[in-house]
């Protein structure tokens, strides 16, 4: 099978998350993209449903805030509920 190089643009954060996911599945980005493209051809379309979720403004604001917090190195994180409860009691 002859292969050709292909260049695509991907959001940096999504690429990092996808690479971590694919690595856990024993795939690299190229293998995952090839798998996706083969499935598209075999099924004659996108191999999953594509939907636009309808979130209200409060939910969207909460998701943006959660994303911002998750990237902030100054925000503490906890490995267990006991750790969190202890920090709240202090």
PDB file of N, CA and C in Angstrom:
ATOM      1  N   UNK A   1       0.853  -1.179   0.000  1.00  0.00           N
ATOM      2  CA  UNK A   1       0.000   0.000   0.000  1.00  0.00           C
ATOM      3  C   UNK A   1       0.897   1.240   0.000  1.00  0.00           C
ATOM      4  N   UNK A   2       0.727   2.083  -0.992  1.00  0.00           N
ATOM      5  CA  UNK A   2       1.495   3.333  -1.069  1.00  0.00           C
ATOM      6  C   UNK A   2       0.838   4.370  -0.179  1.00  0.00           C
ATOM      7  N   UNK A   3       1.637   5.105   0.551  1.00  0.00           N
ATOM      8  CA  UNK A   3       1.108   6.168   1.406  1.00  0.00           C
ATOM      9  C   UNK A   3       1.619   7.510   0.910  1.00  0.00           C
ATOM     10  N   UNK A   4       0.882   8.556   1.237  1.00  0.00           N
ATOM     11  CA  UNK A   4       1.286   9.911   0.875  1.00  0.00           C
ATOM     12  C   UNK A   4       1.247  10.779   2.124  1.00  0.00           C
ATOM     13  N   UNK A   5       2.198  11.690   2.273  1.00  0.00           N
ATOM     14  CA  UNK A   5       2.154  12.594   3.431  1.00  0.00           C
ATOM     15  C   UNK A   5       0.976  13.548   3.311  1.00  0.00           C
ATOM     16  N   UNK A   6       0.350  13.832   4.437  1.00  0.00           N
ATOM     17  CA  UNK A   6      -0.795  14.733   4.486  1.00  0.00           C
ATOM     18  C   UNK A   6      -0.610  15.672   5.670  1.00  0.00           C
ATOM     19  N   UNK A   7      -0.900  16.930   5.476  1.00  0.00           N
ATOM     20  CA  UNK A   7      -0.762  17.907   6.552  1.00  0.00           C
ATOM     21  C   UNK A   7      -2.136  18.445   6.904  1.00  0.00           C
ATOM     22  N   UNK A   8      -2.452  18.468   8.204  1.00  0.00           N
ATOM     23  CA  UNK A   8      -3.723  19.027   8.672  1.00  0.00           C
ATOM     24  C   UNK A   8      -3.457  19.952   9.849  1.00  0.00           C
ATOM     25  N   UNK A   9      -4.355  20.889  10.064  1.00  0.00           N
ATOM     26  CA  UNK A   9      -4.252  21.808  11.205  1.00  0.00           C
ATOM     27  C   UNK A   9      -5.195  21.333  12.306  1.00  0.00           C
ATOM     28  N   UNK A  10      -4.665  21.257  13.536  1.00  0.00           N
ATOM     29  CA  UNK A  10      -5.429  20.768  14.678  1.00  0.00           C
ATOM     30  C   UNK A  10      -5.164  21.680  15.865  1.00  0.00           C
ATOM     31  N   UNK A  11      -6.207  21.993  16.612  1.00  0.00           N
ATOM     32  CA  UNK A  11      -6.060  22.763  17.848  1.00  0.00           C
ATOM     33  C   UNK A  11      -5.048  22.053  18.748  1.00  0.00           C
ATOM     34  N   UNK A  12      -4.101  22.794  19.299  1.00  0.00           N
ATOM     35  CA  UNK A  12      -3.014  22.226  20.108  1.00  0.00           C
ATOM     36  C   UNK A  12      -3.536  21.388  21.278  1.00  0.00           C
ATOM     37  N   UNK A  13      -4.507  21.916  22.028  1.00  0.00           N
ATOM     38  CA  UNK A  13      -5.022  21.178  23.188  1.00  0.00           C
ATOM     39  C   UNK A  13      -5.714  19.880  22.767  1.00  0.00           C
ATOM     40  N   UNK A  14      -6.505  19.943  21.707  1.00  0.00           N
ATOM     41  CA  UNK A  14      -7.192  18.749  21.219  1.00  0.00           C
ATOM     42  C   UNK A  14      -6.173  17.716  20.744  1.00  0.00           C
ATOM     43  N   UNK A  15      -5.129  18.183  20.073  1.00  0.00           N
ATOM     44  CA  UNK A  15      -4.098  17.262  19.587  1.00  0.00           C
ATOM     45  C   UNK A  15      -3.423  16.547  20.753  1.00  0.00           C
ATOM     46  N   UNK A  16      -3.088  17.284  21.805  1.00  0.00           N
ATOM     47  CA  UNK A  16      -2.437  16.675  22.973  1.00  0.00           C
ATOM     48  C   UNK A  16      -3.355  15.654  23.637  1.00  0.00           C
ATOM     49  N   UNK A  17      -4.627  16.013  23.795  1.00  0.00           N
ATOM     50  CA  UNK A  17      -5.587  15.093  24.407  1.00  0.00           C
ATOM     51  C   UNK A  17      -5.780  13.853  23.545  1.00  0.00           C
ATOM     52  N   UNK A  18      -5.883  14.061  22.233  1.00  0.00           N
ATOM     53  CA  UNK A  18      -6.073  12.938  21.311  1.00  0.00           C
ATOM     54  C   UNK A  18      -4.841  12.033  21.312  1.00  0.00           C
ATOM     55  N   UNK A  19      -3.643  12.617  21.308  1.00  0.00           N
ATOM     56  CA  UNK A  19      -2.417  11.812  21.341  1.00  0.00           C
ATOM     57  C   UNK A  19      -2.369  10.945  22.594  1.00  0.00           C
ATOM     58  N   UNK A  20      -2.764  11.505  23.728  1.00  0.00           N
ATOM     59  CA  UNK A  20      -2.775  10.740  24.975  1.00  0.00           C
ATOM     60  C   UNK A  20      -3.790   9.595  24.885  1.00  0.00           C
ATOM     61  N   UNK A  21      -4.962   9.890  24.354  1.00  0.00           N
ATOM     62  CA  UNK A  21      -5.994   8.861  24.190  1.00  0.00           C
ATOM     63  C   UNK A  21      -5.517   7.764  23.249  1.00  0.00           C
ATOM     64  N   UNK A  22      -5.010   8.144  22.070  1.00  0.00           N
ATOM     65  CA  UNK A  22      -4.568   7.165  21.080  1.00  0.00           C
ATOM     66  C   UNK A  22      -3.417   6.324  21.616  1.00  0.00           C
ATOM     67  N   UNK A  23      -2.512   6.951  22.345  1.00  0.00           N
ATOM     68  CA  UNK A  23      -1.384   6.225  22.915  1.00  0.00           C
ATOM     69  C   UNK A  23      -1.878   5.100  23.831  1.00  0.00           C
ATOM     70  N   UNK A  24      -2.892   5.417  24.631  1.00  0.00           N
ATOM     71  CA  UNK A  24      -3.481   4.410  25.513  1.00  0.00           C
ATOM     72  C   UNK A  24      -4.143   3.273  24.749  1.00  0.00           C
ATOM     73  N   UNK A  25      -4.521   3.536  23.504  1.00  0.00           N
ATOM     74  CA  UNK A  25      -5.144   2.516  22.655  1.00  0.00           C
ATOM     75  C   UNK A  25      -4.127   1.819  21.754  1.00  0.00           C
ATOM     76  N   UNK A  26      -2.847   2.186  21.903  1.00  0.00           N
ATOM     77  CA  UNK A  26      -1.807   1.583  21.085  1.00  0.00           C
ATOM     78  C   UNK A  26      -1.722   2.162  19.682  1.00  0.00           C
ATOM     79  N   UNK A  27      -2.234   3.386  19.497  1.00  0.00           N
ATOM     80  CA  UNK A  27      -2.223   4.044  18.195  1.00  0.00           C
ATOM     81  C   UNK A  27      -1.412   5.328  18.253  1.00  0.00           C
ATOM     82  N   UNK A  28      -0.935   5.753  17.110  1.00  0.00           N
ATOM     83  CA  UNK A  28      -0.396   7.104  17.002  1.00  0.00           C
ATOM     84  C   UNK A  28      -1.404   7.929  16.196  1.00  0.00           C
ATOM     85  N   UNK A  29      -1.137   9.210  16.030  1.00  0.00           N
ATOM     86  CA  UNK A  29      -2.074  10.086  15.330  1.00  0.00           C
ATOM     87  C   UNK A  29      -2.324   9.599  13.901  1.00  0.00           C
ATOM     88  N   UNK A  30      -1.264   9.203  13.209  1.00  0.00           N
ATOM     89  CA  UNK A  30      -1.397   8.738  11.833  1.00  0.00           C
ATOM     90  C   UNK A  30      -2.293   7.503  11.759  1.00  0.00           C
ATOM     91  N   UNK A  31      -2.072   6.564  12.651  1.00  0.00           N
ATOM     92  CA  UNK A  31      -2.884   5.346  12.679  1.00  0.00           C
ATOM     93  C   UNK A  31      -4.342   5.647  12.972  1.00  0.00           C
ATOM     94  N   UNK A  32      -4.586   6.566  13.908  1.00  0.00           N
ATOM     95  CA  UNK A  32      -5.957   6.923  14.262  1.00  0.00           C
ATOM     96  C   UNK A  32      -6.664   7.617  13.098  1.00  0.00           C
ATOM     97  N   UNK A  33      -5.964   8.512  12.422  1.00  0.00           N
ATOM     98  CA  UNK A  33      -6.560   9.207  11.272  1.00  0.00           C
ATOM     99  C   UNK A  33      -6.847   8.203  10.153  1.00  0.00           C
ATOM    100  N   UNK A  34      -5.904   7.290   9.902  1.00  0.00           N
ATOM    101  CA  UNK A  34      -6.129   6.265   8.889  1.00  0.00           C
ATOM    102  C   UNK A  34      -7.334   5.394   9.240  1.00  0.00           C
ATOM    103  N   UNK A  35      -7.456   5.023  10.499  1.00  0.00           N
ATOM    104  CA  UNK A  35      -8.597   4.233  10.961  1.00  0.00           C
ATOM    105  C   UNK A  35      -9.904   4.981  10.713  1.00  0.00           C
ATOM    106  N   UNK A  36      -9.926   6.261  11.069  1.00  0.00           N
ATOM    107  CA  UNK A  36     -11.104   7.096  10.852  1.00  0.00           C
ATOM    108  C   UNK A  36     -11.459   7.160   9.367  1.00  0.00           C
ATOM    109  N   UNK A  37     -10.463   7.420   8.512  1.00  0.00           N
ATOM    110  CA  UNK A  37     -10.718   7.550   7.076  1.00  0.00           C
ATOM    111  C   UNK A  37     -11.208   6.234   6.477  1.00  0.00           C
ATOM    112  N   UNK A  38     -10.629   5.119   6.908  1.00  0.00           N
ATOM    113  CA  UNK A  38     -11.100   3.817   6.421  1.00  0.00           C
ATOM    114  C   UNK A  38     -12.569   3.601   6.814  1.00  0.00           C
ATOM    115  N   UNK A  39     -12.919   3.948   8.029  1.00  0.00           N
ATOM    116  CA  UNK A  39     -14.302   3.786   8.476  1.00  0.00           C
ATOM    117  C   UNK A  39     -15.248   4.685   7.669  1.00  0.00           C
ATOM    118  N   UNK A  40     -14.810   5.898   7.358  1.00  0.00           N
ATOM    119  CA  UNK A  40     -15.632   6.794   6.526  1.00  0.00           C
ATOM    120  C   UNK A  40     -15.912   6.152   5.171  1.00  0.00           C
ATOM    121  N   UNK A  41     -14.868   5.603   4.549  1.00  0.00           N
ATOM    122  CA  UNK A  41     -15.024   4.985   3.231  1.00  0.00           C
ATOM    123  C   UNK A  41     -15.914   3.748   3.330  1.00  0.00           C
ATOM    124  N   UNK A  42     -15.669   2.894   4.328  1.00  0.00           N
ATOM    125  CA  UNK A  42     -16.463   1.667   4.482  1.00  0.00           C
ATOM    126  C   UNK A  42     -17.939   1.951   4.727  1.00  0.00           C
ATOM    127  N   UNK A  43     -18.229   2.990   5.483  1.00  0.00           N
ATOM    128  CA  UNK A  43     -19.618   3.305   5.837  1.00  0.00           C
ATOM    129  C   UNK A  43     -20.273   4.294   4.890  1.00  0.00           C
ATOM    130  N   UNK A  44     -19.478   4.887   4.028  1.00  0.00           N
ATOM    131  CA  UNK A  44     -20.035   5.857   3.089  1.00  0.00           C
ATOM    132  C   UNK A  44     -20.410   7.171   3.744  1.00  0.00           C
ATOM    133  N   UNK A  45     -19.706   7.549   4.792  1.00  0.00           N
ATOM    134  CA  UNK A  45     -19.967   8.808   5.501  1.00  0.00           C
ATOM    135  C   UNK A  45     -19.214   8.834   6.816  1.00  0.00           C
ATOM    136  N   UNK A  46     -19.512   9.829   7.609  1.00  0.00           N
ATOM    137  CA  UNK A  46     -18.897   9.944   8.934  1.00  0.00           C
ATOM    138  C   UNK A  46     -19.397   8.782   9.796  1.00  0.00           C
ATOM    139  N   UNK A  47     -18.500   8.052  10.475  1.00  0.00           N
ATOM    140  CA  UNK A  47     -18.911   6.845  11.196  1.00  0.00           C
ATOM    141  C   UNK A  47     -19.521   7.091  12.588  1.00  0.00           C
ATOM    142  N   UNK A  48     -20.011   8.277  12.817  1.00  0.00           N
ATOM    143  CA  UNK A  48     -20.688   8.598  14.079  1.00  0.00           C
ATOM    144  C   UNK A  48     -21.606   9.778  13.821  1.00  0.00           C
ATOM    145  N   UNK A  49     -22.579   9.962  14.717  1.00  0.00           N
ATOM    146  CA  UNK A  49     -23.495  11.094  14.532  1.00  0.00           C
ATOM    147  C   UNK A  49     -22.810  12.384  14.965  1.00  0.00           C
ATOM    148  N   UNK A  50     -23.126  13.448  14.267  1.00  0.00           N
ATOM    149  CA  UNK A  50     -22.590  14.768  14.583  1.00  0.00           C
ATOM    150  C   UNK A  50     -23.770  15.621  15.009  1.00  0.00           C
ATOM    151  N   UNK A  51     -23.703  16.129  16.229  1.00  0.00           N
ATOM    152  CA  UNK A  51     -24.820  16.885  16.791  1.00  0.00           C
ATOM    153  C   UNK A  51     -24.324  18.185  17.394  1.00  0.00           C
ATOM    154  N   UNK A  52     -25.189  19.132  17.451  1.00  0.00           N
ATOM    155  CA  UNK A  52     -24.894  20.398  18.103  1.00  0.00           C
ATOM    156  C   UNK A  52     -25.675  20.427  19.417  1.00  0.00           C
ATOM    157  N   UNK A  53     -24.976  20.250  20.545  1.00  0.00           N
ATOM    158  CA  UNK A  53     -25.697  20.265  21.821  1.00  0.00           C
ATOM    159  C   UNK A  53     -26.290  21.637  22.095  1.00  0.00           C
ATOM    160  N   UNK A  54     -27.420  21.646  22.757  1.00  0.00           N
ATOM    161  CA  UNK A  54     -28.091  22.896  23.088  1.00  0.00           C
ATOM    162  C   UNK A  54     -27.941  23.153  24.593  1.00  0.00           C
ATOM    163  N   UNK A  55     -26.931  23.929  24.937  1.00  0.00           N
ATOM    164  CA  UNK A  55     -26.690  24.271  26.336  1.00  0.00           C
ATOM    165  C   UNK A  55     -27.178  25.685  26.583  1.00  0.00           C
ATOM    166  N   UNK A  56     -27.683  25.912  27.799  1.00  0.00           N
ATOM    167  CA  UNK A  56     -28.092  27.278  28.117  1.00  0.00           C
ATOM    168  C   UNK A  56     -26.860  28.106  28.495  1.00  0.00           C
ATOM    169  N   UNK A  57     -27.058  29.391  28.645  1.00  0.00           N
ATOM    170  CA  UNK A  57     -25.935  30.309  28.913  1.00  0.00           C
ATOM    171  C   UNK A  57     -25.193  29.960  30.196  1.00  0.00           C
ATOM    172  N   UNK A  58     -25.935  29.565  31.228  1.00  0.00           N
ATOM    173  CA  UNK A  58     -25.285  29.221  32.501  1.00  0.00           C
ATOM    174  C   UNK A  58     -24.378  28.000  32.356  1.00  0.00           C
ATOM    175  N   UNK A  59     -24.836  27.011  31.608  1.00  0.00           N
ATOM    176  CA  UNK A  59     -24.034  25.810  31.397  1.00  0.00           C
ATOM    177  C   UNK A  59     -22.779  26.141  30.594  1.00  0.00           C
ATOM    178  N   UNK A  60     -22.918  26.940  29.545  1.00  0.00           N
ATOM    179  CA  UNK A  60     -21.765  27.337  28.734  1.00  0.00           C
ATOM    180  C   UNK A  60     -20.769  28.126  29.576  1.00  0.00           C
ATOM    181  N   UNK A  61     -21.264  29.031  30.399  1.00  0.00           N
ATOM    182  CA  UNK A  61     -20.383  29.820  31.276  1.00  0.00           C
ATOM    183  C   UNK A  61     -19.657  28.902  32.259  1.00  0.00           C
ATOM    184  N   UNK A  62     -20.371  27.921  32.808  1.00  0.00           N
ATOM    185  CA  UNK A  62     -19.752  26.989  33.756  1.00  0.00           C
ATOM    186  C   UNK A  62     -18.686  26.142  33.079  1.00  0.00           C
ATOM    187  N   UNK A  63     -18.932  25.722  31.844  1.00  0.00           N
ATOM    188  CA  UNK A  63     -17.940  24.931  31.118  1.00  0.00           C
ATOM    189  C   UNK A  63     -16.702  25.762  30.816  1.00  0.00           C
ATOM    190  N   UNK A  64     -16.887  27.024  30.446  1.00  0.00           N
ATOM    191  CA  UNK A  64     -15.739  27.904  30.187  1.00  0.00           C
ATOM    192  C   UNK A  64     -14.932  28.116  31.465  1.00  0.00           C
ATOM    193  N   UNK A  65     -15.645  28.328  32.580  1.00  0.00           N
ATOM    194  CA  UNK A  65     -14.966  28.525  33.858  1.00  0.00           C
ATOM    195  C   UNK A  65     -14.193  27.264  34.256  1.00  0.00           C
ATOM    196  N   UNK A  66     -14.794  26.100  34.075  1.00  0.00           N
ATOM    197  CA  UNK A  66     -14.127  24.844  34.418  1.00  0.00           C
ATOM    198  C   UNK A  66     -12.871  24.644  33.567  1.00  0.00           C
ATOM    199  N   UNK A  67     -12.955  24.976  32.292  1.00  0.00           N
ATOM    200  CA  UNK A  67     -11.798  24.846  31.408  1.00  0.00           C
ATOM    201  C   UNK A  67     -10.676  25.786  31.858  1.00  0.00           C
ATOM    202  N   UNK A  68     -11.055  27.025  32.225  1.00  0.00           N
ATOM    203  CA  UNK A  68     -10.075  28.007  32.693  1.00  0.00           C
ATOM    204  C   UNK A  68      -9.415  27.528  33.991  1.00  0.00           C
ATOM    205  N   UNK A  69     -10.213  27.026  34.904  1.00  0.00           N
ATOM    206  CA  UNK A  69      -9.694  26.545  36.188  1.00  0.00           C
ATOM    207  C   UNK A  69      -8.762  25.357  35.969  1.00  0.00           C
ATOM    208  N   UNK A  70      -9.127  24.462  35.052  1.00  0.00           N
ATOM    209  CA  UNK A  70      -8.315  23.256  34.839  1.00  0.00           C
ATOM    210  C   UNK A  70      -6.932  23.581  34.290  1.00  0.00           C
ATOM    211  N   UNK A  71      -6.768  24.740  33.679  1.00  0.00           N
ATOM    212  CA  UNK A  71      -5.475  25.134  33.110  1.00  0.00           C
ATOM    213  C   UNK A  71      -4.654  26.013  34.046  1.00  0.00           C
ATOM    214  N   UNK A  72      -5.230  26.418  35.157  1.00  0.00           N
ATOM    215  CA  UNK A  72      -4.564  27.338  36.074  1.00  0.00           C
ATOM    216  C   UNK A  72      -3.698  26.558  37.065  1.00  0.00           C
ATOM    217  N   UNK A  73      -2.368  26.702  36.983  1.00  0.00           N
ATOM    218  CA  UNK A  73      -1.501  25.944  37.886  1.00  0.00           C
ATOM    219  C   UNK A  73      -1.604  26.404  39.347  1.00  0.00           C
ATOM    220  N   UNK A  74      -2.196  27.556  39.582  1.00  0.00           N
ATOM    221  CA  UNK A  74      -2.339  28.058  40.954  1.00  0.00           C
ATOM    222  C   UNK A  74      -3.530  27.420  41.683  1.00  0.00           C
ATOM    223  N   UNK A  75      -4.436  26.797  40.949  1.00  0.00           N
ATOM    224  CA  UNK A  75      -5.618  26.172  41.552  1.00  0.00           C
ATOM    225  C   UNK A  75      -5.214  24.800  42.074  1.00  0.00           C
ATOM    226  N   UNK A  76      -5.457  24.533  43.360  1.00  0.00           N
ATOM    227  CA  UNK A  76      -5.075  23.226  43.908  1.00  0.00           C
ATOM    228  C   UNK A  76      -5.969  22.118  43.350  1.00  0.00           C
ATOM    229  N   UNK A  77      -5.418  20.913  43.318  1.00  0.00           N
ATOM    230  CA  UNK A  77      -6.198  19.751  42.906  1.00  0.00           C
ATOM    231  C   UNK A  77      -6.095  18.702  44.008  1.00  0.00           C
ATOM    232  N   UNK A  78      -7.033  17.772  44.010  1.00  0.00           N
ATOM    233  CA  UNK A  78      -7.115  16.780  45.077  1.00  0.00           C
ATOM    234  C   UNK A  78      -7.259  15.396  44.471  1.00  0.00           C
ATOM    235  N   UNK A  79      -6.625  14.413  45.105  1.00  0.00           N
ATOM    236  CA  UNK A  79      -6.669  13.039  44.616  1.00  0.00           C
ATOM    237  C   UNK A  79      -7.808  12.231  45.216  1.00  0.00           C
ATOM    238  N   UNK A  80      -8.454  12.778  46.241  1.00  0.00           N
ATOM    239  CA  UNK A  80      -9.553  12.042  46.861  1.00  0.00           C
ATOM    240  C   UNK A  80     -10.521  13.024  47.514  1.00  0.00           C
ATOM    241  N   UNK A  81     -11.711  12.525  47.805  1.00  0.00           N
ATOM    242  CA  UNK A  81     -12.701  13.353  48.504  1.00  0.00           C
ATOM    243  C   UNK A  81     -12.210  13.692  49.911  1.00  0.00           C
ATOM    244  N   UNK A  82     -11.515  12.761  50.538  1.00  0.00           N
ATOM    245  CA  UNK A  82     -10.989  13.021  51.882  1.00  0.00           C
ATOM    246  C   UNK A  82     -10.021  14.198  51.868  1.00  0.00           C
ATOM    247  N   UNK A  83      -9.149  14.234  50.833  1.00  0.00           N
ATOM    248  CA  UNK A  83      -8.222  15.363  50.684  1.00  0.00           C
ATOM    249  C   UNK A  83      -8.976  16.673  50.513  1.00  0.00           C
ATOM    250  N   UNK A  84     -10.002  16.661  49.673  1.00  0.00           N
ATOM    251  CA  UNK A  84     -10.809  17.860  49.435  1.00  0.00           C
ATOM    252  C   UNK A  84     -11.504  18.306  50.728  1.00  0.00           C
ATOM    253  N   UNK A  85     -12.122  17.383  51.430  1.00  0.00           N
ATOM    254  CA  UNK A  85     -12.809  17.724  52.686  1.00  0.00           C
ATOM    255  C   UNK A  85     -11.841  18.317  53.695  1.00  0.00           C
ATOM    256  N   UNK A  86     -10.644  17.727  53.793  1.00  0.00           N
ATOM    257  CA  UNK A  86      -9.635  18.239  54.716  1.00  0.00           C
ATOM    258  C   UNK A  86      -9.256  19.674  54.362  1.00  0.00           C
ATOM    259  N   UNK A  87      -9.070  19.946  53.050  1.00  0.00           N
ATOM    260  CA  UNK A  87      -8.717  21.300  52.621  1.00  0.00           C
ATOM    261  C   UNK A  87      -9.847  22.279  52.892  1.00  0.00           C
ATOM    262  N   UNK A  88     -11.079  21.857  52.755  1.00  0.00           N
ATOM    263  CA  UNK A  88     -12.234  22.725  53.018  1.00  0.00           C
ATOM    264  C   UNK A  88     -12.361  23.049  54.512  1.00  0.00           C
ATOM    265  N   UNK A  89     -11.978  22.099  55.346  1.00  0.00           N
ATOM    266  CA  UNK A  89     -12.057  22.314  56.803  1.00  0.00           C
ATOM    267  C   UNK A  89     -10.976  23.229  57.316  1.00  0.00           C
ATOM    268  N   UNK A  90      -9.896  23.408  56.561  1.00  0.00           N
ATOM    269  CA  UNK A  90      -8.768  24.235  57.022  1.00  0.00           C
ATOM    270  C   UNK A  90      -9.074  25.706  56.883  1.00  0.00           C
TER     271      UNK A  90
END
